[in-house]
Every structure is written in structure tokens, then in C-alpha cells.
């Protein structure tokens, strides 16, 4: 089935997702690239069909949001797949619930947000203090190195002066 508008041509399922599904479903079968492209096009067209039919059902029931019930309606002619679709829907809901629980772990710690913020600020302050101490140690080491260099230069200068005054004394003897 051809798409009705030019924009629909740009909407496709990612090829990597289709390739992964093919490999998982048919691990020992090689599939030609043109066959993969055909599968991508068929999947895209199928999703367009399901979406537009579900949208019509949604509009007839005067709803603004397509819900799973609108997609599962048997008027689409896929009645034999309804039980499988409901199982997949339940799996998706379970996964989504687990994700929500995982994201709310912070809330389940039992520590108020203000306390967590205070602890975070305390850790930042400690890190800044450690950084300042390291910087000061580096500065002190540089100062000590500079002083040692000055002392070495002064000592070299003093020995050069002593050597040159010794030369002058030797010149006087001649």
C-alpha cells in the first residue's frame, strides 16, 4: 500500500531494530538485503495501518489519546492475534512499572531531598577543600624549587666571583 503523503515516506522503523528481530527470530537463516528492506517497508505500512485504524476508533469514542484498547479492537481483522497482543501489552506494562520503580529508588531511600542536597553540598565543599590543598601544596613545591634555584645560582655566582678574585690575585703575583 502506498503512503498518502510525502511525509509518511520518511517515517520508517530503524533497520537495526528489524535486523535484530530477524536475527532473534531466525538465527540460522540468512536474509538478503532486499528482503530486509521489504520487511522494513511492510512493518512500517502495518504500523501506519494499525495507527490510523486505532485513531479512527479513538475519534469515534470522542477521545484525544489512543489507548491500548483502541489498538486491540477486533475491527482491524486481527482477531486471532488479540490474545498474543494482550500478553505483550501486559509485559510492556510490567517493564514500564519496573522502570518507574527503578527511577523512584531515590525516593525510596527514606532520606528527605533536603538532607540529600545537604550531603551533596557537603561533598562538594570537601572536594573543593581537597583541591585547594593540592593547589597550595603544588604552589609550595614550586616556591621551594624557585628558592633552591636561587640558592644554586647565588652559590654559582659566589664561586665564580671567588674564582675570578683568585685569578686577579694570581695576576698580581706575576
N, C-alpha and C. Protein backbone atom coordinates (compact mmCIF):
# COMPACT_ATOMS: atom_id res chain seq x y z
N UNK A 1 0.84 -1.18 0.00
CA UNK A 1 0.00 0.00 0.00
C UNK A 1 0.88 1.24 0.00
N UNK A 2 0.57 2.18 -0.83
CA UNK A 2 1.36 3.39 -0.93
C UNK A 2 0.91 4.38 0.13
N UNK A 3 1.86 5.15 0.60
CA UNK A 3 1.53 6.16 1.61
C UNK A 3 0.81 7.31 0.95
N UNK A 4 -0.06 7.97 1.71
CA UNK A 4 -0.88 9.01 1.14
C UNK A 4 -0.19 10.36 1.10
N UNK A 5 0.85 10.55 1.90
CA UNK A 5 1.53 11.85 1.87
C UNK A 5 3.03 11.65 1.82
N UNK A 6 3.74 12.66 1.36
CA UNK A 6 5.20 12.59 1.24
C UNK A 6 5.88 12.44 2.58
N UNK A 7 5.31 13.01 3.64
CA UNK A 7 5.90 12.92 4.97
C UNK A 7 5.95 11.51 5.49
N UNK A 8 4.95 10.71 5.15
CA UNK A 8 4.89 9.33 5.64
C UNK A 8 6.05 8.50 5.11
N UNK A 9 6.60 8.88 3.94
CA UNK A 9 7.70 8.12 3.37
C UNK A 9 8.95 8.20 4.25
N UNK A 10 9.09 9.28 5.00
CA UNK A 10 10.26 9.46 5.86
C UNK A 10 10.17 8.66 7.15
N UNK A 11 8.98 8.21 7.50
CA UNK A 11 8.79 7.51 8.77
C UNK A 11 8.94 6.01 8.56
N UNK A 12 10.04 5.46 9.05
CA UNK A 12 10.24 4.01 8.95
C UNK A 12 10.81 3.51 10.27
N UNK A 13 10.74 2.21 10.44
CA UNK A 13 11.33 1.57 11.62
C UNK A 13 12.84 1.52 11.39
N UNK A 14 13.63 1.76 12.40
CA UNK A 14 15.09 1.67 12.21
C UNK A 14 15.50 0.28 11.72
N UNK A 15 16.36 0.26 10.72
CA UNK A 15 16.79 -1.01 10.13
C UNK A 15 17.50 -1.89 11.15
N UNK A 16 18.23 -1.27 12.07
CA UNK A 16 18.94 -2.05 13.09
C UNK A 16 17.95 -2.83 13.95
N UNK A 17 16.80 -2.23 14.25
CA UNK A 17 15.78 -2.92 15.05
C UNK A 17 15.22 -4.11 14.28
N UNK A 18 14.97 -3.92 13.00
CA UNK A 18 14.45 -5.02 12.17
C UNK A 18 15.49 -6.12 12.06
N UNK A 19 16.75 -5.74 11.82
CA UNK A 19 17.82 -6.75 11.72
C UNK A 19 17.93 -7.56 13.00
N UNK A 20 17.82 -6.90 14.13
CA UNK A 20 17.89 -7.60 15.42
C UNK A 20 16.72 -8.57 15.56
N UNK A 21 15.52 -8.13 15.19
CA UNK A 21 14.35 -9.02 15.28
C UNK A 21 14.51 -10.23 14.36
N UNK A 22 15.03 -9.99 13.16
CA UNK A 22 15.22 -11.10 12.22
C UNK A 22 16.23 -12.10 12.78
N UNK A 23 17.35 -11.59 13.33
CA UNK A 23 18.36 -12.49 13.88
C UNK A 23 17.84 -13.27 15.07
N UNK A 24 17.03 -12.61 15.92
CA UNK A 24 16.48 -13.31 17.08
C UNK A 24 15.43 -14.33 16.68
N UNK A 25 14.64 -14.01 15.68
CA UNK A 25 13.57 -14.91 15.24
C UNK A 25 14.09 -16.05 14.38
N UNK A 26 15.02 -15.73 13.50
CA UNK A 26 15.56 -16.72 12.57
C UNK A 26 17.10 -16.73 12.66
N UNK A 27 17.65 -17.28 13.74
CA UNK A 27 19.10 -17.18 13.95
C UNK A 27 19.94 -17.94 12.92
N UNK A 28 19.41 -18.98 12.32
CA UNK A 28 20.19 -19.80 11.40
C UNK A 28 19.84 -19.55 9.94
N UNK A 29 19.16 -18.45 9.65
CA UNK A 29 18.73 -18.17 8.28
C UNK A 29 19.38 -16.87 7.81
N UNK A 30 19.92 -16.91 6.60
CA UNK A 30 20.46 -15.69 6.00
C UNK A 30 19.34 -14.99 5.25
N UNK A 31 19.25 -13.67 5.40
CA UNK A 31 18.21 -12.90 4.74
C UNK A 31 18.88 -11.85 3.86
N UNK A 32 18.49 -11.82 2.61
CA UNK A 32 19.07 -10.87 1.65
C UNK A 32 18.69 -9.45 2.03
N UNK A 33 19.53 -8.51 1.60
CA UNK A 33 19.30 -7.10 1.93
C UNK A 33 17.97 -6.59 1.37
N UNK A 34 17.61 -7.00 0.14
CA UNK A 34 16.34 -6.54 -0.41
C UNK A 34 15.16 -7.13 0.36
N UNK A 35 15.33 -8.34 0.90
CA UNK A 35 14.27 -8.93 1.72
C UNK A 35 14.15 -8.17 3.04
N UNK A 36 15.28 -7.77 3.60
CA UNK A 36 15.25 -6.96 4.83
C UNK A 36 14.54 -5.63 4.58
N UNK A 37 14.85 -5.01 3.45
CA UNK A 37 14.21 -3.75 3.08
C UNK A 37 12.70 -3.93 2.94
N UNK A 38 12.30 -5.05 2.34
CA UNK A 38 10.88 -5.35 2.18
C UNK A 38 10.21 -5.52 3.55
N UNK A 39 10.90 -6.19 4.48
CA UNK A 39 10.35 -6.37 5.83
C UNK A 39 10.18 -5.01 6.51
N UNK A 40 11.18 -4.14 6.36
CA UNK A 40 11.09 -2.79 6.95
C UNK A 40 9.87 -2.06 6.38
N UNK A 41 9.70 -2.11 5.07
CA UNK A 41 8.56 -1.43 4.44
C UNK A 41 7.24 -2.02 4.90
N UNK A 42 7.16 -3.34 4.99
CA UNK A 42 5.92 -3.99 5.43
C UNK A 42 5.59 -3.62 6.88
N UNK A 43 6.61 -3.63 7.73
CA UNK A 43 6.39 -3.27 9.14
C UNK A 43 5.92 -1.83 9.26
N UNK A 44 6.55 -0.95 8.49
CA UNK A 44 6.15 0.46 8.52
C UNK A 44 4.71 0.62 8.06
N UNK A 45 4.36 -0.04 6.98
CA UNK A 45 2.99 0.05 6.46
C UNK A 45 1.99 -0.53 7.46
N UNK A 46 2.36 -1.63 8.10
CA UNK A 46 1.49 -2.26 9.09
C UNK A 46 1.24 -1.30 10.26
N UNK A 47 2.29 -0.66 10.71
CA UNK A 47 2.15 0.29 11.83
C UNK A 47 1.27 1.47 11.42
N UNK A 48 1.44 1.95 10.19
CA UNK A 48 0.58 3.04 9.69
C UNK A 48 -0.88 2.59 9.68
N UNK A 49 -1.13 1.38 9.21
CA UNK A 49 -2.49 0.85 9.15
C UNK A 49 -3.09 0.77 10.56
N UNK A 50 -2.37 0.14 11.48
CA UNK A 50 -2.86 -0.01 12.86
C UNK A 50 -3.10 1.35 13.48
N UNK A 51 -2.16 2.28 13.29
CA UNK A 51 -2.27 3.61 13.89
C UNK A 51 -3.49 4.37 13.37
N UNK A 52 -3.67 4.34 12.06
CA UNK A 52 -4.80 5.10 11.51
C UNK A 52 -6.14 4.47 11.91
N UNK A 53 -6.22 3.13 11.95
CA UNK A 53 -7.45 2.48 12.39
C UNK A 53 -7.72 2.77 13.87
N UNK A 54 -6.67 2.70 14.69
CA UNK A 54 -6.84 3.00 16.12
C UNK A 54 -7.23 4.46 16.31
N UNK A 55 -6.71 5.33 15.48
CA UNK A 55 -7.06 6.74 15.57
C UNK A 55 -8.53 6.96 15.23
N UNK A 56 -9.03 6.25 14.22
CA UNK A 56 -10.45 6.35 13.87
C UNK A 56 -11.34 5.87 15.02
N UNK A 57 -10.95 4.74 15.63
CA UNK A 57 -11.71 4.22 16.77
C UNK A 57 -11.67 5.22 17.92
N UNK A 58 -10.51 5.81 18.13
CA UNK A 58 -10.35 6.81 19.20
C UNK A 58 -11.26 8.02 18.93
N UNK A 59 -11.28 8.49 17.70
CA UNK A 59 -12.13 9.63 17.36
C UNK A 59 -13.61 9.31 17.52
N UNK A 60 -14.01 8.09 17.14
CA UNK A 60 -15.42 7.70 17.28
C UNK A 60 -15.84 7.68 18.74
N UNK A 61 -14.91 7.32 19.62
CA UNK A 61 -15.24 7.31 21.05
C UNK A 61 -14.97 8.66 21.70
N UNK A 62 -14.72 9.68 20.86
CA UNK A 62 -14.50 11.06 21.30
C UNK A 62 -13.37 11.18 22.33
N UNK A 63 -12.30 10.46 22.09
CA UNK A 63 -11.11 10.54 22.93
C UNK A 63 -10.01 11.25 22.14
N UNK A 64 -9.08 11.85 22.87
CA UNK A 64 -7.98 12.55 22.21
C UNK A 64 -6.69 11.74 22.20
N UNK A 65 -6.63 10.71 23.02
CA UNK A 65 -5.42 9.90 23.14
C UNK A 65 -5.74 8.45 22.77
N UNK A 66 -4.91 7.89 21.90
CA UNK A 66 -5.08 6.48 21.53
C UNK A 66 -4.60 5.63 22.70
N UNK A 67 -5.46 4.75 23.15
CA UNK A 67 -5.11 3.86 24.26
C UNK A 67 -4.92 2.44 23.71
N UNK A 68 -4.35 1.55 24.51
CA UNK A 68 -4.18 0.16 24.05
C UNK A 68 -5.50 -0.47 23.62
N UNK A 69 -6.57 -0.12 24.28
CA UNK A 69 -7.87 -0.68 23.92
C UNK A 69 -8.28 -0.31 22.49
N UNK A 70 -7.90 0.87 22.04
CA UNK A 70 -8.22 1.29 20.67
C UNK A 70 -7.43 0.46 19.67
N UNK A 71 -6.21 0.08 20.02
CA UNK A 71 -5.37 -0.71 19.12
C UNK A 71 -5.84 -2.16 19.07
N UNK A 72 -6.33 -2.67 20.20
CA UNK A 72 -6.71 -4.08 20.32
C UNK A 72 -8.08 -4.36 19.70
N UNK A 73 -8.85 -3.35 19.36
CA UNK A 73 -10.19 -3.56 18.79
C UNK A 73 -10.16 -4.61 17.69
N UNK A 74 -11.12 -5.50 17.69
CA UNK A 74 -11.16 -6.59 16.72
C UNK A 74 -11.62 -6.13 15.34
N UNK A 75 -12.00 -4.88 15.20
CA UNK A 75 -12.47 -4.40 13.90
C UNK A 75 -11.34 -4.32 12.88
N UNK A 76 -10.10 -4.51 13.31
CA UNK A 76 -8.98 -4.43 12.39
C UNK A 76 -8.76 -5.74 11.63
N UNK A 77 -9.47 -6.78 12.01
CA UNK A 77 -9.34 -8.05 11.31
C UNK A 77 -8.18 -8.91 11.81
N UNK A 78 -7.68 -8.61 12.97
CA UNK A 78 -6.59 -9.40 13.54
C UNK A 78 -7.04 -10.10 14.81
N UNK A 79 -8.26 -10.59 14.80
CA UNK A 79 -8.85 -11.22 15.98
C UNK A 79 -8.06 -12.40 16.51
N UNK A 80 -7.40 -13.13 15.62
CA UNK A 80 -6.64 -14.30 16.07
C UNK A 80 -5.39 -13.92 16.85
N UNK A 81 -4.98 -12.67 16.75
CA UNK A 81 -3.77 -12.23 17.45
C UNK A 81 -4.06 -11.50 18.76
N UNK A 82 -5.32 -11.28 19.06
CA UNK A 82 -5.69 -10.46 20.21
C UNK A 82 -5.10 -11.01 21.51
N UNK A 83 -5.15 -12.31 21.73
CA UNK A 83 -4.62 -12.86 22.98
C UNK A 83 -3.11 -12.62 23.09
N UNK A 84 -2.39 -12.78 21.98
CA UNK A 84 -0.95 -12.52 22.00
C UNK A 84 -0.67 -11.04 22.24
N UNK A 85 -1.47 -10.19 21.63
CA UNK A 85 -1.29 -8.75 21.81
C UNK A 85 -1.52 -8.36 23.26
N UNK A 86 -2.53 -8.96 23.88
CA UNK A 86 -2.81 -8.65 25.29
C UNK A 86 -1.66 -9.12 26.18
N UNK A 87 -1.05 -10.25 25.86
CA UNK A 87 0.10 -10.74 26.63
C UNK A 87 1.27 -9.77 26.51
N UNK A 88 1.52 -9.33 25.28
CA UNK A 88 2.63 -8.38 25.05
C UNK A 88 2.33 -7.06 25.77
N UNK A 89 1.09 -6.63 25.75
CA UNK A 89 0.70 -5.40 26.45
C UNK A 89 0.99 -5.54 27.94
N UNK A 90 0.64 -6.68 28.51
CA UNK A 90 0.90 -6.90 29.94
C UNK A 90 2.40 -6.89 30.23
N UNK A 91 3.19 -7.51 29.34
CA UNK A 91 4.65 -7.49 29.50
C UNK A 91 5.19 -6.06 29.46
N UNK A 92 4.67 -5.27 28.53
CA UNK A 92 5.11 -3.88 28.41
C UNK A 92 4.76 -3.08 29.67
N UNK A 93 3.57 -3.31 30.20
CA UNK A 93 3.17 -2.62 31.43
C UNK A 93 4.07 -3.02 32.58
N UNK A 94 4.44 -4.30 32.66
CA UNK A 94 5.32 -4.78 33.72
C UNK A 94 6.70 -4.13 33.61
N UNK A 95 7.23 -4.07 32.41
CA UNK A 95 8.54 -3.45 32.19
C UNK A 95 8.48 -1.96 32.55
N UNK A 96 7.42 -1.29 32.14
CA UNK A 96 7.28 0.14 32.44
C UNK A 96 7.18 0.37 33.95
N UNK A 97 6.47 -0.51 34.64
CA UNK A 97 6.36 -0.40 36.09
C UNK A 97 7.72 -0.57 36.76
N UNK A 98 8.49 -1.54 36.27
CA UNK A 98 9.84 -1.77 36.82
C UNK A 98 10.71 -0.55 36.60
N UNK A 99 10.60 0.06 35.42
CA UNK A 99 11.38 1.27 35.14
C UNK A 99 11.00 2.39 36.10
N UNK A 100 9.70 2.55 36.31
CA UNK A 100 9.25 3.61 37.23
C UNK A 100 9.77 3.35 38.63
N UNK A 101 9.74 2.09 39.05
CA UNK A 101 10.25 1.75 40.39
C UNK A 101 11.74 2.02 40.47
N UNK A 102 12.46 1.69 39.41
CA UNK A 102 13.90 1.92 39.41
C UNK A 102 14.21 3.41 39.46
N UNK A 103 13.41 4.21 38.77
CA UNK A 103 13.66 5.65 38.78
C UNK A 103 13.25 6.29 40.09
N UNK A 104 12.40 5.62 40.86
CA UNK A 104 11.98 6.20 42.13
C UNK A 104 12.78 5.64 43.30
N UNK A 105 13.88 4.94 43.03
CA UNK A 105 14.72 4.41 44.11
C UNK A 105 15.18 5.53 45.03
N UNK A 106 15.49 6.67 44.45
CA UNK A 106 15.93 7.81 45.23
C UNK A 106 14.86 8.19 46.25
N UNK A 107 13.62 8.14 45.81
CA UNK A 107 12.51 8.48 46.71
C UNK A 107 12.35 7.41 47.79
N UNK A 108 12.71 6.17 47.46
CA UNK A 108 12.53 5.07 48.40
C UNK A 108 13.67 4.93 49.41
N UNK A 109 14.68 5.79 49.33
CA UNK A 109 15.79 5.72 50.26
C UNK A 109 15.36 6.10 51.68
N UNK A 110 14.30 6.86 51.78
CA UNK A 110 13.83 7.28 53.09
C UNK A 110 14.56 8.52 53.59
N UNK A 111 15.41 9.09 52.77
CA UNK A 111 16.13 10.30 53.14
C UNK A 111 15.45 11.48 52.43
N UNK A 112 15.07 12.50 53.19
CA UNK A 112 14.42 13.66 52.56
C UNK A 112 15.34 14.32 51.54
N UNK A 113 14.74 14.93 50.55
CA UNK A 113 15.50 15.57 49.48
C UNK A 113 16.42 16.66 50.03
N UNK A 114 15.95 17.38 51.06
CA UNK A 114 16.76 18.44 51.66
C UNK A 114 18.04 17.86 52.27
N UNK A 115 17.93 16.69 52.90
CA UNK A 115 19.09 16.04 53.51
C UNK A 115 20.06 15.57 52.43
N UNK A 116 19.52 15.02 51.35
CA UNK A 116 20.37 14.59 50.24
C UNK A 116 21.10 15.79 49.63
N UNK A 117 20.40 16.89 49.49
CA UNK A 117 21.01 18.11 48.96
C UNK A 117 22.11 18.60 49.89
N UNK A 118 21.85 18.57 51.21
CA UNK A 118 22.85 19.00 52.19
C UNK A 118 24.10 18.10 52.09
N UNK A 119 23.89 16.78 51.97
CA UNK A 119 25.01 15.85 51.86
C UNK A 119 25.80 16.12 50.58
N UNK A 120 25.09 16.41 49.51
CA UNK A 120 25.75 16.69 48.24
C UNK A 120 26.60 17.95 48.36
N UNK A 121 26.04 19.00 48.98
CA UNK A 121 26.79 20.24 49.15
C UNK A 121 28.02 20.02 50.03
N UNK A 122 27.87 19.18 51.05
CA UNK A 122 28.98 18.85 51.94
C UNK A 122 30.10 18.14 51.16
N UNK A 123 29.71 17.21 50.30
CA UNK A 123 30.70 16.51 49.48
C UNK A 123 31.40 17.46 48.50
N UNK A 124 30.63 18.39 47.93
CA UNK A 124 31.23 19.37 47.03
C UNK A 124 32.23 20.24 47.78
N UNK A 125 31.85 20.68 48.97
CA UNK A 125 32.74 21.53 49.77
C UNK A 125 34.02 20.77 50.13
N UNK A 126 33.89 19.52 50.49
CA UNK A 126 35.05 18.70 50.83
C UNK A 126 35.97 18.54 49.61
N UNK A 127 35.38 18.32 48.46
CA UNK A 127 36.17 18.19 47.23
C UNK A 127 36.88 19.50 46.90
N UNK A 128 36.19 20.64 47.06
CA UNK A 128 36.82 21.94 46.82
C UNK A 128 37.99 22.15 47.78
N UNK A 129 37.81 21.77 49.04
CA UNK A 129 38.87 21.92 50.04
C UNK A 129 40.08 21.07 49.66
N UNK A 130 39.85 19.83 49.26
CA UNK A 130 40.94 18.96 48.85
C UNK A 130 41.67 19.53 47.63
N UNK A 131 40.91 20.08 46.71
CA UNK A 131 41.50 20.68 45.52
C UNK A 131 42.35 21.89 45.90
N UNK A 132 41.86 22.70 46.82
CA UNK A 132 42.62 23.88 47.28
C UNK A 132 43.90 23.45 47.99
N UNK A 133 43.83 22.40 48.80
CA UNK A 133 45.02 21.90 49.49
C UNK A 133 46.05 21.39 48.50
N UNK A 134 45.61 20.68 47.49
CA UNK A 134 46.53 20.20 46.45
C UNK A 134 47.19 21.38 45.72
N UNK A 135 46.40 22.38 45.40
CA UNK A 135 46.93 23.55 44.71
C UNK A 135 47.95 24.26 45.58
N UNK A 136 47.67 24.36 46.89
CA UNK A 136 48.61 25.01 47.79
C UNK A 136 49.90 24.20 47.90
N UNK A 137 49.79 22.88 47.96
CA UNK A 137 50.99 22.04 48.02
C UNK A 137 51.84 22.22 46.77
N UNK A 138 51.19 22.27 45.61
CA UNK A 138 51.92 22.48 44.37
C UNK A 138 52.61 23.83 44.38
N UNK A 139 51.93 24.86 44.88
CA UNK A 139 52.49 26.21 44.94
C UNK A 139 53.71 26.22 45.85
N UNK A 140 53.60 25.55 47.03
CA UNK A 140 54.72 25.49 47.96
C UNK A 140 55.91 24.76 47.33
N UNK A 141 55.65 23.68 46.61
CA UNK A 141 56.73 22.95 45.94
C UNK A 141 57.41 23.82 44.89
N UNK A 142 56.61 24.60 44.17
CA UNK A 142 57.18 25.50 43.17
C UNK A 142 58.02 26.57 43.85
N UNK A 143 57.56 27.09 44.97
CA UNK A 143 58.32 28.11 45.72
C UNK A 143 59.65 27.54 46.20
N UNK A 144 59.59 26.31 46.75
CA UNK A 144 60.82 25.67 47.22
C UNK A 144 61.78 25.44 46.07
N UNK A 145 61.28 25.01 44.93
CA UNK A 145 62.13 24.79 43.77
C UNK A 145 62.75 26.11 43.31
N UNK A 146 61.98 27.19 43.35
CA UNK A 146 62.50 28.50 42.95
C UNK A 146 63.57 28.96 43.93
N UNK A 147 63.35 28.75 45.23
CA UNK A 147 64.35 29.13 46.23
C UNK A 147 65.64 28.33 46.04
N UNK A 148 65.50 27.04 45.78
CA UNK A 148 66.68 26.21 45.56
C UNK A 148 67.43 26.66 44.31
N UNK A 149 66.69 27.04 43.29
CA UNK A 149 67.33 27.54 42.07
C UNK A 149 68.06 28.84 42.34
N UNK A 150 67.45 29.73 43.15
CA UNK A 150 68.11 30.99 43.50
C UNK A 150 69.37 30.73 44.32
N UNK A 151 69.28 29.80 45.28
CA UNK A 151 70.45 29.47 46.10
C UNK A 151 71.55 28.88 45.23
N UNK A 152 71.20 28.01 44.31
CA UNK A 152 72.18 27.41 43.42
C UNK A 152 72.82 28.47 42.54
N UNK A 153 72.00 29.42 42.05
CA UNK A 153 72.52 30.49 41.21
C UNK A 153 73.43 31.40 42.03
N UNK A 154 73.02 31.72 43.26
CA UNK A 154 73.84 32.58 44.13
C UNK A 154 75.14 31.88 44.47
N UNK A 155 75.09 30.61 44.76
CA UNK A 155 76.30 29.86 45.10
C UNK A 155 77.22 29.77 43.89
N UNK A 156 76.66 29.57 42.69
CA UNK A 156 77.47 29.53 41.48
C UNK A 156 78.09 30.89 41.22
N UNK A 157 77.31 31.93 41.46
CA UNK A 157 77.82 33.29 41.26
C UNK A 157 78.93 33.59 42.26
N UNK A 158 78.76 33.15 43.51
CA UNK A 158 79.77 33.39 44.54
C UNK A 158 81.05 32.63 44.21
N UNK A 159 80.93 31.42 43.73
CA UNK A 159 82.14 30.66 43.41
C UNK A 159 82.82 31.24 42.18
N UNK A 160 82.03 31.78 41.23
CA UNK A 160 82.62 32.45 40.06
C UNK A 160 83.36 33.70 40.50
N UNK A 161 82.78 34.45 41.43
CA UNK A 161 83.44 35.67 41.91
C UNK A 161 84.69 35.31 42.69
N UNK A 162 84.61 34.26 43.49
CA UNK A 162 85.79 33.85 44.25
C UNK A 162 86.87 33.38 43.29
N UNK A 163 86.50 32.68 42.27
CA UNK A 163 87.46 32.21 41.28
C UNK A 163 88.08 33.36 40.53
N UNK A 164 87.32 34.36 40.18
CA UNK A 164 87.85 35.50 39.43
C UNK A 164 88.72 36.37 40.33
N UNK A 165 88.41 36.49 41.62
CA UNK A 165 89.27 37.28 42.52
C UNK A 165 90.56 36.53 42.78
N UNK A 166 90.52 35.21 42.78
CA UNK A 166 91.71 34.38 42.91
C UNK A 166 92.60 34.59 41.69
N UNK A 167 92.00 34.69 40.51
CA UNK A 167 92.74 34.93 39.27
C UNK A 167 93.43 36.29 39.33
N UNK A 168 92.73 37.30 39.88
CA UNK A 168 93.31 38.64 39.98
C UNK A 168 94.50 38.62 40.93
N UNK A 169 94.36 37.88 42.05
CA UNK A 169 95.47 37.78 42.98
C UNK A 169 96.66 37.11 42.32
N UNK A 170 96.38 36.10 41.49
CA UNK A 170 97.45 35.40 40.80
C UNK A 170 98.12 36.33 39.80
N UNK A 171 97.35 37.22 39.17
CA UNK A 171 97.88 38.16 38.21
C UNK A 171 98.80 39.16 38.89
N UNK A 172 98.46 39.52 40.13
CA UNK A 172 99.26 40.48 40.88
C UNK A 172 100.63 39.90 41.22
N UNK A 173 100.70 38.59 41.43
CA UNK A 173 101.93 37.95 41.78
C UNK A 173 102.90 37.95 40.61
N UNK A 174 102.48 38.07 39.44
CA UNK A 174 103.35 37.97 38.28
C UNK A 174 104.04 39.24 38.04
